[in-house]
Amino acid sequence: MDRIVSAFWNSMRALRRLTLTEKAFQQELALLVLAIPAGWFLATTWSGYALLIGAILVLIMVEVLNTGIEAACDAFSREFNVEIQLAKDCGSLAVLIAIILVLGVWGFAIVERLGGMPA
């Protein structure tokens, strides 16, 4: 049980730090706050609502991992290194893919709600 409690407090420390210092993370949290009520009105089913919110949570999760990769790379070396550049670029690509996922899920939900696609 101590391990679970310790892991929780470590996670809260990371959440606090990212919320205070990382602009992309702040923007994604704001997006989540806006999406919670918007998704409620947009979704036609409970599973649709879960998918809308889940897509944004996946984006936030990928952003957290990308920030962790960048922090580890910066702790190793701040000098240019082609492997470090690749690691950071791959993290950025993962965030881009997650953004495309969010846009796709929300786009389909909007089209479905407007009557453009059958449910």
PDB file of N, CA and C in Angstrom:
ATOM      1  N   MET A   1       0.817  -1.195   0.000  1.00  0.00           N
ATOM      2  CA  MET A   1       0.000   0.000   0.000  1.00  0.00           C
ATOM      3  C   MET A   1       0.864   1.264   0.000  1.00  0.00           C
ATOM      4  N   ASP A   2       1.987   1.198   0.700  1.00  0.00           N
ATOM      5  CA  ASP A   2       2.880   2.362   0.739  1.00  0.00           C
ATOM      6  C   ASP A   2       3.386   2.724  -0.651  1.00  0.00           C
ATOM      7  N   ARG A   3       3.627   1.704  -1.453  1.00  0.00           N
ATOM      8  CA  ARG A   3       4.119   1.939  -2.810  1.00  0.00           C
ATOM      9  C   ARG A   3       3.073   2.673  -3.646  1.00  0.00           C
ATOM     10  N   ILE A   4       1.813   2.312  -3.484  1.00  0.00           N
ATOM     11  CA  ILE A   4       0.728   2.965  -4.227  1.00  0.00           C
ATOM     12  C   ILE A   4       0.590   4.417  -3.781  1.00  0.00           C
ATOM     13  N   VAL A   5       0.655   4.651  -2.499  1.00  0.00           N
ATOM     14  CA  VAL A   5       0.560   6.016  -1.965  1.00  0.00           C
ATOM     15  C   VAL A   5       1.743   6.846  -2.458  1.00  0.00           C
ATOM     16  N   SER A   6       2.926   6.278  -2.421  1.00  0.00           N
ATOM     17  CA  SER A   6       4.116   6.978  -2.890  1.00  0.00           C
ATOM     18  C   SER A   6       4.010   7.300  -4.379  1.00  0.00           C
ATOM     19  N   ALA A   7       3.547   6.350  -5.168  1.00  0.00           N
ATOM     20  CA  ALA A   7       3.374   6.578  -6.607  1.00  0.00           C
ATOM     21  C   ALA A   7       2.354   7.676  -6.859  1.00  0.00           C
ATOM     22  N   PHE A   8       1.287   7.700  -6.061  1.00  0.00           N
ATOM     23  CA  PHE A   8       0.270   8.747  -6.203  1.00  0.00           C
ATOM     24  C   PHE A   8       0.892  10.125  -5.964  1.00  0.00           C
ATOM     25  N   TRP A   9       1.669  10.265  -4.888  1.00  0.00           N
ATOM     26  CA  TRP A   9       2.266  11.575  -4.580  1.00  0.00           C
ATOM     27  C   TRP A   9       3.308  11.969  -5.619  1.00  0.00           C
ATOM     28  N   ASN A  10       4.034  11.006  -6.166  1.00  0.00           N
ATOM     29  CA  ASN A  10       4.963  11.303  -7.261  1.00  0.00           C
ATOM     30  C   ASN A  10       4.200  11.826  -8.474  1.00  0.00           C
ATOM     31  N   SER A  11       3.072  11.207  -8.769  1.00  0.00           N
ATOM     32  CA  SER A  11       2.248  11.637  -9.895  1.00  0.00           C
ATOM     33  C   SER A  11       1.698  13.039  -9.660  1.00  0.00           C
ATOM     34  N   MET A  12       1.268  13.322  -8.452  1.00  0.00           N
ATOM     35  CA  MET A  12       0.742  14.656  -8.137  1.00  0.00           C
ATOM     36  C   MET A  12       1.834  15.717  -8.244  1.00  0.00           C
ATOM     37  N   ARG A  13       3.068  15.357  -7.863  1.00  0.00           N
ATOM     38  CA  ARG A  13       4.188  16.290  -8.002  1.00  0.00           C
ATOM     39  C   ARG A  13       4.418  16.605  -9.481  1.00  0.00           C
ATOM     40  N   ALA A  14       4.371  15.577 -10.327  1.00  0.00           N
ATOM     41  CA  ALA A  14       4.535  15.794 -11.773  1.00  0.00           C
ATOM     42  C   ALA A  14       3.386  16.624 -12.325  1.00  0.00           C
ATOM     43  N   LEU A  15       2.159  16.322 -11.912  1.00  0.00           N
ATOM     44  CA  LEU A  15       1.002  17.092 -12.374  1.00  0.00           C
ATOM     45  C   LEU A  15       1.145  18.567 -12.008  1.00  0.00           C
ATOM     46  N   ARG A  16       1.546  18.829 -10.790  1.00  0.00           N
ATOM     47  CA  ARG A  16       1.719  20.213 -10.339  1.00  0.00           C
ATOM     48  C   ARG A  16       2.803  20.921 -11.159  1.00  0.00           C
ATOM     49  N   ARG A  17       3.918  20.251 -11.344  1.00  0.00           N
ATOM     50  CA  ARG A  17       5.023  20.880 -12.077  1.00  0.00           C
ATOM     51  C   ARG A  17       4.646  21.142 -13.534  1.00  0.00           C
ATOM     52  N   LEU A  18       4.035  20.156 -14.187  1.00  0.00           N
ATOM     53  CA  LEU A  18       3.634  20.350 -15.582  1.00  0.00           C
ATOM     54  C   LEU A  18       2.584  21.447 -15.701  1.00  0.00           C
ATOM     55  N   THR A  19       1.654  21.488 -14.750  1.00  0.00           N
ATOM     56  CA  THR A  19       0.612  22.511 -14.783  1.00  0.00           C
ATOM     57  C   THR A  19       1.205  23.909 -14.625  1.00  0.00           C
ATOM     58  N   LEU A  20       2.249  24.027 -13.844  1.00  0.00           N
ATOM     59  CA  LEU A  20       2.855  25.336 -13.602  1.00  0.00           C
ATOM     60  C   LEU A  20       3.846  25.759 -14.683  1.00  0.00           C
ATOM     61  N   THR A  21       4.466  24.784 -15.380  1.00  0.00           N
ATOM     62  CA  THR A  21       5.592  25.156 -16.239  1.00  0.00           C
ATOM     63  C   THR A  21       5.448  24.825 -17.718  1.00  0.00           C
ATOM     64  N   GLU A  22       4.589  23.908 -18.080  1.00  0.00           N
ATOM     65  CA  GLU A  22       4.536  23.445 -19.473  1.00  0.00           C
ATOM     66  C   GLU A  22       3.317  24.008 -20.199  1.00  0.00           C
ATOM     67  N   LYS A  23       3.567  24.907 -21.155  1.00  0.00           N
ATOM     68  CA  LYS A  23       2.491  25.584 -21.881  1.00  0.00           C
ATOM     69  C   LYS A  23       1.586  24.591 -22.624  1.00  0.00           C
ATOM     70  N   ALA A  24       2.163  23.622 -23.324  1.00  0.00           N
ATOM     71  CA  ALA A  24       1.345  22.664 -24.067  1.00  0.00           C
ATOM     72  C   ALA A  24       0.447  21.876 -23.114  1.00  0.00           C
ATOM     73  N   PHE A  25       0.972  21.474 -21.980  1.00  0.00           N
ATOM     74  CA  PHE A  25       0.180  20.735 -20.997  1.00  0.00           C
ATOM     75  C   PHE A  25      -0.952  21.609 -20.458  1.00  0.00           C
ATOM     76  N   GLN A  26      -0.664  22.870 -20.186  1.00  0.00           N
ATOM     77  CA  GLN A  26      -1.694  23.801 -19.719  1.00  0.00           C
ATOM     78  C   GLN A  26      -2.812  23.932 -20.753  1.00  0.00           C
ATOM     79  N   GLN A  27      -2.439  24.044 -22.031  1.00  0.00           N
ATOM     80  CA  GLN A  27      -3.437  24.163 -23.095  1.00  0.00           C
ATOM     81  C   GLN A  27      -4.286  22.905 -23.194  1.00  0.00           C
ATOM     82  N   GLU A  28      -3.675  21.757 -23.048  1.00  0.00           N
ATOM     83  CA  GLU A  28      -4.419  20.500 -23.136  1.00  0.00           C
ATOM     84  C   GLU A  28      -5.330  20.306 -21.927  1.00  0.00           C
ATOM     85  N   LEU A  29      -4.914  20.754 -20.759  1.00  0.00           N
ATOM     86  CA  LEU A  29      -5.809  20.709 -19.599  1.00  0.00           C
ATOM     87  C   LEU A  29      -7.005  21.627 -19.809  1.00  0.00           C
ATOM     88  N   ALA A  30      -6.756  22.816 -20.368  1.00  0.00           N
ATOM     89  CA  ALA A  30      -7.856  23.736 -20.674  1.00  0.00           C
ATOM     90  C   ALA A  30      -8.808  23.103 -21.685  1.00  0.00           C
ATOM     91  N   LEU A  31      -8.250  22.431 -22.676  1.00  0.00           N
ATOM     92  CA  LEU A  31      -9.068  21.724 -23.661  1.00  0.00           C
ATOM     93  C   LEU A  31      -9.936  20.671 -22.976  1.00  0.00           C
ATOM     94  N   LEU A  32      -9.372  19.929 -22.042  1.00  0.00           N
ATOM     95  CA  LEU A  32     -10.130  18.914 -21.309  1.00  0.00           C
ATOM     96  C   LEU A  32     -11.270  19.554 -20.519  1.00  0.00           C
ATOM     97  N   VAL A  33     -10.984  20.652 -19.850  1.00  0.00           N
ATOM     98  CA  VAL A  33     -12.013  21.343 -19.063  1.00  0.00           C
ATOM     99  C   VAL A  33     -13.166  21.796 -19.967  1.00  0.00           C
ATOM    100  N   LEU A  34     -12.847  22.295 -21.142  1.00  0.00           N
ATOM    101  CA  LEU A  34     -13.888  22.703 -22.090  1.00  0.00           C
ATOM    102  C   LEU A  34     -14.603  21.504 -22.705  1.00  0.00           C
ATOM    103  N   ALA A  35     -13.869  20.422 -22.922  1.00  0.00           N
ATOM    104  CA  ALA A  35     -14.428  19.246 -23.591  1.00  0.00           C
ATOM    105  C   ALA A  35     -15.406  18.481 -22.711  1.00  0.00           C
ATOM    106  N   ILE A  36     -15.234  18.522 -21.416  1.00  0.00           N
ATOM    107  CA  ILE A  36     -16.115  17.745 -20.534  1.00  0.00           C
ATOM    108  C   ILE A  36     -17.572  18.166 -20.715  1.00  0.00           C
ATOM    109  N   PRO A  37     -17.902  19.461 -20.635  1.00  0.00           N
ATOM    110  CA  PRO A  37     -19.309  19.815 -20.888  1.00  0.00           C
ATOM    111  C   PRO A  37     -19.675  19.770 -22.379  1.00  0.00           C
ATOM    112  N   ALA A  38     -18.761  20.159 -23.254  1.00  0.00           N
ATOM    113  CA  ALA A  38     -19.061  20.150 -24.691  1.00  0.00           C
ATOM    114  C   ALA A  38     -19.333  18.732 -25.175  1.00  0.00           C
ATOM    115  N   GLY A  39     -18.546  17.783 -24.718  1.00  0.00           N
ATOM    116  CA  GLY A  39     -18.734  16.392 -25.097  1.00  0.00           C
ATOM    117  C   GLY A  39     -20.069  15.853 -24.625  1.00  0.00           C
ATOM    118  N   TRP A  40     -20.522  16.319 -23.483  1.00  0.00           N
ATOM    119  CA  TRP A  40     -21.809  15.885 -22.941  1.00  0.00           C
ATOM    120  C   TRP A  40     -22.945  16.240 -23.902  1.00  0.00           C
ATOM    121  N   PHE A  41     -22.878  17.438 -24.487  1.00  0.00           N
ATOM    122  CA  PHE A  41     -23.919  17.879 -25.413  1.00  0.00           C
ATOM    123  C   PHE A  41     -23.711  17.300 -26.819  1.00  0.00           C
ATOM    124  N   LEU A  42     -22.485  17.020 -27.163  1.00  0.00           N
ATOM    125  CA  LEU A  42     -22.174  16.536 -28.500  1.00  0.00           C
ATOM    126  C   LEU A  42     -22.419  15.042 -28.664  1.00  0.00           C
ATOM    127  N   ALA A  43     -22.085  14.277 -27.662  1.00  0.00           N
ATOM    128  CA  ALA A  43     -22.178  12.814 -27.754  1.00  0.00           C
ATOM    129  C   ALA A  43     -23.634  12.363 -27.799  1.00  0.00           C
ATOM    130  N   THR A  44     -23.861  11.312 -28.556  1.00  0.00           N
ATOM    131  CA  THR A  44     -25.212  10.749 -28.643  1.00  0.00           C
ATOM    132  C   THR A  44     -25.377   9.523 -27.753  1.00  0.00           C
ATOM    133  N   THR A  45     -24.254   8.999 -27.231  1.00  0.00           N
ATOM    134  CA  THR A  45     -24.295   7.837 -26.334  1.00  0.00           C
ATOM    135  C   THR A  45     -23.244   8.013 -25.245  1.00  0.00           C
ATOM    136  N   TRP A  46     -23.371   7.203 -24.195  1.00  0.00           N
ATOM    137  CA  TRP A  46     -22.359   7.220 -23.133  1.00  0.00           C
ATOM    138  C   TRP A  46     -20.998   6.790 -23.670  1.00  0.00           C
ATOM    139  N   SER A  47     -20.999   5.784 -24.531  1.00  0.00           N
ATOM    140  CA  SER A  47     -19.725   5.327 -25.081  1.00  0.00           C
ATOM    141  C   SER A  47     -19.121   6.395 -25.999  1.00  0.00           C
ATOM    142  N   GLY A  48     -19.963   7.134 -26.692  1.00  0.00           N
ATOM    143  CA  GLY A  48     -19.470   8.240 -27.510  1.00  0.00           C
ATOM    144  C   GLY A  48     -18.836   9.318 -26.656  1.00  0.00           C
ATOM    145  N   TYR A  49     -19.466   9.611 -25.518  1.00  0.00           N
ATOM    146  CA  TYR A  49     -18.905  10.602 -24.591  1.00  0.00           C
ATOM    147  C   TYR A  49     -17.563  10.123 -24.046  1.00  0.00           C
ATOM    148  N   ALA A  50     -17.501   8.859 -23.676  1.00  0.00           N
ATOM    149  CA  ALA A  50     -16.243   8.299 -23.167  1.00  0.00           C
ATOM    150  C   ALA A  50     -15.153   8.381 -24.228  1.00  0.00           C
ATOM    151  N   LEU A  51     -15.506   8.138 -25.476  1.00  0.00           N
ATOM    152  CA  LEU A  51     -14.533   8.221 -26.565  1.00  0.00           C
ATOM    153  C   LEU A  51     -14.033   9.653 -26.758  1.00  0.00           C
ATOM    154  N   LEU A  52     -14.937  10.617 -26.703  1.00  0.00           N
ATOM    155  CA  LEU A  52     -14.534  12.023 -26.857  1.00  0.00           C
ATOM    156  C   LEU A  52     -13.562  12.444 -25.759  1.00  0.00           C
ATOM    157  N   ILE A  53     -13.899  12.145 -24.530  1.00  0.00           N
ATOM    158  CA  ILE A  53     -13.041  12.534 -23.405  1.00  0.00           C
ATOM    159  C   ILE A  53     -11.778  11.675 -23.386  1.00  0.00           C
ATOM    160  N   GLY A  54     -11.919  10.400 -23.700  1.00  0.00           N
ATOM    161  CA  GLY A  54     -10.759   9.505 -23.730  1.00  0.00           C
ATOM    162  C   GLY A  54      -9.718   9.932 -24.740  1.00  0.00           C
ATOM    163  N   ALA A  55     -10.160  10.428 -25.895  1.00  0.00           N
ATOM    164  CA  ALA A  55      -9.209  10.886 -26.913  1.00  0.00           C
ATOM    165  C   ALA A  55      -8.361  12.037 -26.373  1.00  0.00           C
ATOM    166  N   ILE A  56      -8.981  12.945 -25.642  1.00  0.00           N
ATOM    167  CA  ILE A  56      -8.228  14.067 -25.065  1.00  0.00           C
ATOM    168  C   ILE A  56      -7.308  13.583 -23.951  1.00  0.00           C
ATOM    169  N   LEU A  57      -7.758  12.624 -23.168  1.00  0.00           N
ATOM    170  CA  LEU A  57      -6.888  12.060 -22.130  1.00  0.00           C
ATOM    171  C   LEU A  57      -5.679  11.353 -22.744  1.00  0.00           C
ATOM    172  N   VAL A  58      -5.876  10.695 -23.875  1.00  0.00           N
ATOM    173  CA  VAL A  58      -4.742  10.074 -24.578  1.00  0.00           C
ATOM    174  C   VAL A  58      -3.761  11.162 -25.016  1.00  0.00           C
ATOM    175  N   LEU A  59      -4.274  12.258 -25.549  1.00  0.00           N
ATOM    176  CA  LEU A  59      -3.407  13.378 -25.938  1.00  0.00           C
ATOM    177  C   LEU A  59      -2.604  13.887 -24.742  1.00  0.00           C
ATOM    178  N   ILE A  60      -3.255  14.064 -23.615  1.00  0.00           N
ATOM    179  CA  ILE A  60      -2.561  14.536 -22.412  1.00  0.00           C
ATOM    180  C   ILE A  60      -1.509  13.523 -21.977  1.00  0.00           C
ATOM    181  N   MET A  61      -1.844  12.244 -22.027  1.00  0.00           N
ATOM    182  CA  MET A  61      -0.892  11.204 -21.643  1.00  0.00           C
ATOM    183  C   MET A  61       0.345  11.222 -22.551  1.00  0.00           C
ATOM    184  N   VAL A  62       0.131  11.356 -23.851  1.00  0.00           N
ATOM    185  CA  VAL A  62       1.255  11.406 -24.792  1.00  0.00           C
ATOM    186  C   VAL A  62       2.096  12.652 -24.532  1.00  0.00           C
ATOM    187  N   GLU A  63       1.453  13.773 -24.224  1.00  0.00           N
ATOM    188  CA  GLU A  63       2.187  15.006 -23.904  1.00  0.00           C
ATOM    189  C   GLU A  63       3.049  14.818 -22.666  1.00  0.00           C
ATOM    190  N   VAL A  64       2.526  14.137 -21.660  1.00  0.00           N
ATOM    191  CA  VAL A  64       3.290  13.861 -20.438  1.00  0.00           C
ATOM    192  C   VAL A  64       4.515  13.016 -20.769  1.00  0.00           C
ATOM    193  N   LEU A  65       4.323  11.972 -21.563  1.00  0.00           N
ATOM    194  CA  LEU A  65       5.452  11.117 -21.950  1.00  0.00           C
ATOM    195  C   LEU A  65       6.473  11.889 -22.779  1.00  0.00           C
ATOM    196  N   ASN A  66       5.993  12.739 -23.694  1.00  0.00           N
ATOM    197  CA  ASN A  66       6.901  13.560 -24.497  1.00  0.00           C
ATOM    198  C   ASN A  66       7.720  14.493 -23.604  1.00  0.00           C
ATOM    199  N   THR A  67       7.074  15.091 -22.629  1.00  0.00           N
ATOM    200  CA  THR A  67       7.790  15.973 -21.704  1.00  0.00           C
ATOM    201  C   THR A  67       8.828  15.191 -20.908  1.00  0.00           C
ATOM    202  N   GLY A  68       8.488  13.970 -20.516  1.00  0.00           N
ATOM    203  CA  GLY A  68       9.448  13.123 -19.809  1.00  0.00           C
ATOM    204  C   GLY A  68      10.649  12.776 -20.671  1.00  0.00           C
ATOM    205  N   ILE A  69      10.409  12.482 -21.944  1.00  0.00           N
ATOM    206  CA  ILE A  69      11.508  12.199 -22.875  1.00  0.00           C
ATOM    207  C   ILE A  69      12.411  13.418 -22.997  1.00  0.00           C
ATOM    208  N   GLU A  70      11.792  14.580 -23.189  1.00  0.00           N
ATOM    209  CA  GLU A  70      12.589  15.806 -23.328  1.00  0.00           C
ATOM    210  C   GLU A  70      13.397  16.097 -22.069  1.00  0.00           C
ATOM    211  N   ALA A  71      12.790  15.894 -20.907  1.00  0.00           N
ATOM    212  CA  ALA A  71      13.506  16.144 -19.647  1.00  0.00           C
ATOM    213  C   ALA A  71      14.679  15.181 -19.488  1.00  0.00           C
ATOM    214  N   ALA A  72      14.473  13.921 -19.819  1.00  0.00           N
ATOM    215  CA  ALA A  72      15.561  12.948 -19.723  1.00  0.00           C
ATOM    216  C   ALA A  72      16.685  13.282 -20.685  1.00  0.00           C
ATOM    217  N   CYS A  73      16.333  13.663 -21.897  1.00  0.00           N
ATOM    218  CA  CYS A  73      17.348  14.037 -22.888  1.00  0.00           C
ATOM    219  C   CYS A  73      18.133  15.260 -22.427  1.00  0.00           C
ATOM    220  N   ASP A  74      17.418  16.262 -21.900  1.00  0.00           N
ATOM    221  CA  ASP A  74      18.084  17.475 -21.437  1.00  0.00           C
ATOM    222  C   ASP A  74      18.973  17.202 -20.222  1.00  0.00           C
ATOM    223  N   ALA A  75      18.572  16.248 -19.381  1.00  0.00           N
ATOM    224  CA  ALA A  75      19.400  15.895 -18.225  1.00  0.00           C
ATOM    225  C   ALA A  75      20.680  15.191 -18.669  1.00  0.00           C
ATOM    226  N   PHE A  76      20.595  14.465 -19.780  1.00  0.00           N
ATOM    227  CA  PHE A  76      21.761  13.762 -20.302  1.00  0.00           C
ATOM    228  C   PHE A  76      22.734  14.735 -20.948  1.00  0.00           C
ATOM    229  N   SER A  77      22.214  15.607 -21.817  1.00  0.00           N
ATOM    230  CA  SER A  77      23.082  16.575 -22.498  1.00  0.00           C
ATOM    231  C   SER A  77      22.238  17.644 -23.160  1.00  0.00           C
ATOM    232  N   ARG A  78      22.704  18.865 -23.073  1.00  0.00           N
ATOM    233  CA  ARG A  78      22.030  19.968 -23.759  1.00  0.00           C
ATOM    234  C   ARG A  78      22.734  20.307 -25.076  1.00  0.00           C
ATOM    235  N   GLU A  79      23.832  19.636 -25.340  1.00  0.00           N
ATOM    236  CA  GLU A  79      24.530  19.833 -26.611  1.00  0.00           C
ATOM    237  C   GLU A  79      23.804  19.079 -27.710  1.00  0.00           C
ATOM    238  N   PHE A  80      23.983  19.544 -28.954  1.00  0.00           N
ATOM    239  CA  PHE A  80      23.316  18.870 -30.060  1.00  0.00           C
ATOM    240  C   PHE A  80      23.839  17.450 -30.201  1.00  0.00           C
ATOM    241  N   ASN A  81      22.902  16.540 -30.353  1.00  0.00           N
ATOM    242  CA  ASN A  81      23.212  15.133 -30.559  1.00  0.00           C
ATOM    243  C   ASN A  81      22.117  14.572 -31.446  1.00  0.00           C
ATOM    244  N   VAL A  82      22.497  13.904 -32.527  1.00  0.00           N
ATOM    245  CA  VAL A  82      21.514  13.434 -33.505  1.00  0.00           C
ATOM    246  C   VAL A  82      20.546  12.421 -32.896  1.00  0.00           C
ATOM    247  N   GLU A  83      20.998  11.571 -31.979  1.00  0.00           N
ATOM    248  CA  GLU A  83      20.107  10.598 -31.347  1.00  0.00           C
ATOM    249  C   GLU A  83      19.127  11.286 -30.401  1.00  0.00           C
ATOM    250  N   ILE A  84      19.592  12.295 -29.683  1.00  0.00           N
ATOM    251  CA  ILE A  84      18.698  13.053 -28.799  1.00  0.00           C
ATOM    252  C   ILE A  84      17.674  13.810 -29.636  1.00  0.00           C
ATOM    253  N   GLN A  85      18.111  14.372 -30.754  1.00  0.00           N
ATOM    254  CA  GLN A  85      17.169  15.059 -31.640  1.00  0.00           C
ATOM    255  C   GLN A  85      16.099  14.096 -32.129  1.00  0.00           C
ATOM    256  N   LEU A  86      16.499  12.881 -32.492  1.00  0.00           N
ATOM    257  CA  LEU A  86      15.528  11.885 -32.944  1.00  0.00           C
ATOM    258  C   LEU A  86      14.544  11.544 -31.832  1.00  0.00           C
ATOM    259  N   ALA A  87      15.032  11.348 -30.624  1.00  0.00           N
ATOM    260  CA  ALA A  87      14.152  11.031 -29.505  1.00  0.00           C
ATOM    261  C   ALA A  87      13.128  12.137 -29.287  1.00  0.00           C
ATOM    262  N   LYS A  88      13.587  13.385 -29.297  1.00  0.00           N
ATOM    263  CA  LYS A  88      12.675  14.515 -29.113  1.00  0.00           C
ATOM    264  C   LYS A  88      11.706  14.641 -30.283  1.00  0.00           C
ATOM    265  N   ASP A  89      12.196  14.444 -31.505  1.00  0.00           N
ATOM    266  CA  ASP A  89      11.323  14.517 -32.680  1.00  0.00           C
ATOM    267  C   ASP A  89      10.272  13.416 -32.659  1.00  0.00           C
ATOM    268  N   CYS A  90      10.651  12.228 -32.218  1.00  0.00           N
ATOM    269  CA  CYS A  90       9.682  11.130 -32.121  1.00  0.00           C
ATOM    270  C   CYS A  90       8.605  11.448 -31.078  1.00  0.00           C
ATOM    271  N   GLY A  91       9.004  12.054 -29.977  1.00  0.00           N
ATOM    272  CA  GLY A  91       8.028  12.478 -28.974  1.00  0.00           C
ATOM    273  C   GLY A  91       7.067  13.504 -29.541  1.00  0.00           C
ATOM    274  N   SER A  92       7.584  14.442 -30.308  1.00  0.00           N
ATOM    275  CA  SER A  92       6.732  15.445 -30.947  1.00  0.00           C
ATOM    276  C   SER A  92       5.792  14.802 -31.965  1.00  0.00           C
ATOM    277  N   LEU A  93       6.289  13.825 -32.710  1.00  0.00           N
ATOM    278  CA  LEU A  93       5.442  13.109 -33.665  1.00  0.00           C
ATOM    279  C   LEU A  93       4.320  12.374 -32.942  1.00  0.00           C
ATOM    280  N   ALA A  94       4.620  11.781 -31.810  1.00  0.00           N
ATOM    281  CA  ALA A  94       3.589  11.087 -31.039  1.00  0.00           C
ATOM    282  C   ALA A  94       2.492  12.062 -30.610  1.00  0.00           C
ATOM    283  N   VAL A  95       2.886  13.262 -30.202  1.00  0.00           N
ATOM    284  CA  VAL A  95       1.895  14.277 -29.834  1.00  0.00           C
ATOM    285  C   VAL A  95       1.060  14.658 -31.057  1.00  0.00           C
ATOM    286  N   LEU A  96       1.701  14.827 -32.201  1.00  0.00           N
ATOM    287  CA  LEU A  96       0.969  15.168 -33.427  1.00  0.00           C
ATOM    288  C   LEU A  96      -0.046  14.078 -33.777  1.00  0.00           C
ATOM    289  N   ILE A  97       0.348  12.828 -33.670  1.00  0.00           N
ATOM    290  CA  ILE A  97      -0.573  11.720 -33.952  1.00  0.00           C
ATOM    291  C   ILE A  97      -1.758  11.750 -32.980  1.00  0.00           C
ATOM    292  N   ALA A  98      -1.491  12.048 -31.718  1.00  0.00           N
ATOM    293  CA  ALA A  98      -2.570  12.136 -30.727  1.00  0.00           C
ATOM    294  C   ALA A  98      -3.506  13.305 -31.043  1.00  0.00           C
ATOM    295  N   ILE A  99      -2.960  14.410 -31.522  1.00  0.00           N
ATOM    296  CA  ILE A  99      -3.797  15.543 -31.926  1.00  0.00           C
ATOM    297  C   ILE A  99      -4.689  15.156 -33.096  1.00  0.00           C
ATOM    298  N   ILE A 100      -4.123  14.439 -34.068  1.00  0.00           N
ATOM    299  CA  ILE A 100      -4.914  13.974 -35.219  1.00  0.00           C
ATOM    300  C   ILE A 100      -6.028  13.042 -34.736  1.00  0.00           C
ATOM    301  N   LEU A 101      -5.729  12.186 -33.773  1.00  0.00           N
ATOM    302  CA  LEU A 101      -6.740  11.312 -33.187  1.00  0.00           C
ATOM    303  C   LEU A 101      -7.880  12.127 -32.581  1.00  0.00           C
ATOM    304  N   VAL A 102      -7.542  13.135 -31.795  1.00  0.00           N
ATOM    305  CA  VAL A 102      -8.564  13.991 -31.175  1.00  0.00           C
ATOM    306  C   VAL A 102      -9.414  14.674 -32.241  1.00  0.00           C
ATOM    307  N   LEU A 103      -8.758  15.238 -33.248  1.00  0.00           N
ATOM    308  CA  LEU A 103      -9.503  15.916 -34.313  1.00  0.00           C
ATOM    309  C   LEU A 103     -10.426  14.954 -35.048  1.00  0.00           C
ATOM    310  N   GLY A 104      -9.956  13.749 -35.298  1.00  0.00           N
ATOM    311  CA  GLY A 104     -10.780  12.759 -35.980  1.00  0.00           C
ATOM    312  C   GLY A 104     -11.981  12.344 -35.164  1.00  0.00           C
ATOM    313  N   VAL A 105     -11.765  12.020 -33.902  1.00  0.00           N
ATOM    314  CA  VAL A 105     -12.859  11.576 -33.029  1.00  0.00           C
ATOM    315  C   VAL A 105     -13.890  12.686 -32.864  1.00  0.00           C
ATOM    316  N   TRP A 106     -13.414  13.898 -32.580  1.00  0.00           N
ATOM    317  CA  TRP A 106     -14.339  15.015 -32.389  1.00  0.00           C
ATOM    318  C   TRP A 106     -15.006  15.404 -33.710  1.00  0.00           C
ATOM    319  N   GLY A 107     -14.273  15.331 -34.808  1.00  0.00           N
ATOM    320  CA  GLY A 107     -14.850  15.642 -36.113  1.00  0.00           C
ATOM    321  C   GLY A 107     -15.979  14.687 -36.465  1.00  0.00           C
ATOM    322  N   PHE A 108     -15.764  13.394 -36.279  1.00  0.00           N
ATOM    323  CA  PHE A 108     -16.819  12.411 -36.539  1.00  0.00           C
ATOM    324  C   PHE A 108     -18.032  12.652 -35.644  1.00  0.00           C
ATOM    325  N   ALA A 109     -17.785  12.983 -34.377  1.00  0.00           N
ATOM    326  CA  ALA A 109     -18.890  13.225 -33.455  1.00  0.00           C
ATOM    327  C   ALA A 109     -19.705  14.446 -33.879  1.00  0.00           C
ATOM    328  N   ILE A 110     -19.020  15.481 -34.332  1.00  0.00           N
ATOM    329  CA  ILE A 110     -19.723  16.689 -34.789  1.00  0.00           C
ATOM    330  C   ILE A 110     -20.560  16.385 -36.018  1.00  0.00           C
ATOM    331  N   VAL A 111     -19.972  15.688 -36.973  1.00  0.00           N
ATOM    332  CA  VAL A 111     -20.709  15.329 -38.195  1.00  0.00           C
ATOM    333  C   VAL A 111     -21.905  14.445 -37.843  1.00  0.00           C
ATOM    334  N   GLU A 112     -21.706  13.496 -36.936  1.00  0.00           N
ATOM    335  CA  GLU A 112     -22.795  12.615 -36.530  1.00  0.00           C
ATOM    336  C   GLU A 112     -23.911  13.416 -35.863  1.00  0.00           C
ATOM    337  N   ARG A 113     -23.538  14.352 -34.994  1.00  0.00           N
ATOM    338  CA  ARG A 113     -24.540  15.160 -34.264  1.00  0.00           C
ATOM    339  C   ARG A 113     -25.320  16.057 -35.227  1.00  0.00           C
ATOM    340  N   LEU A 114     -24.646  16.565 -36.248  1.00  0.00           N
ATOM    341  CA  LEU A 114     -25.307  17.445 -37.218  1.00  0.00           C
ATOM    342  C   LEU A 114     -26.126  16.669 -38.235  1.00  0.00           C
ATOM    343  N   GLY A 115     -26.121  15.370 -38.124  1.00  0.00           N
ATOM    344  CA  GLY A 115     -26.942  14.550 -39.002  1.00  0.00           C
ATOM    345  C   GLY A 115     -26.301  14.168 -40.301  1.00  0.00           C
ATOM    346  N   GLY A 116     -24.997  14.351 -40.420  1.00  0.00           N
ATOM    347  CA  GLY A 116     -24.312  14.038 -41.670  1.00  0.00           C
ATOM    348  C   GLY A 116     -23.979  12.567 -41.825  1.00  0.00           C
ATOM    349  N   MET A 117     -24.002  11.800 -40.719  1.00  0.00           N
ATOM    350  CA  MET A 117     -23.680  10.375 -40.776  1.00  0.00           C
ATOM    351  C   MET A 117     -24.672   9.608 -39.916  1.00  0.00           C
ATOM    352  N   PRO A 118     -25.051   8.435 -40.313  1.00  0.00           N
ATOM    353  CA  PRO A 118     -25.918   7.630 -39.443  1.00  0.00           C
ATOM    354  C   PRO A 118     -25.166   7.171 -38.216  1.00  0.00           C
ATOM    355  N   ALA A 119     -25.868   7.003 -37.117  1.00  0.00           N
ATOM    356  CA  ALA A 119     -25.240   6.608 -35.843  1.00  0.00           C
ATOM    357  C   ALA A 119     -24.782   5.173 -35.856  1.00  0.00           C
TER     358      ALA A 119
END
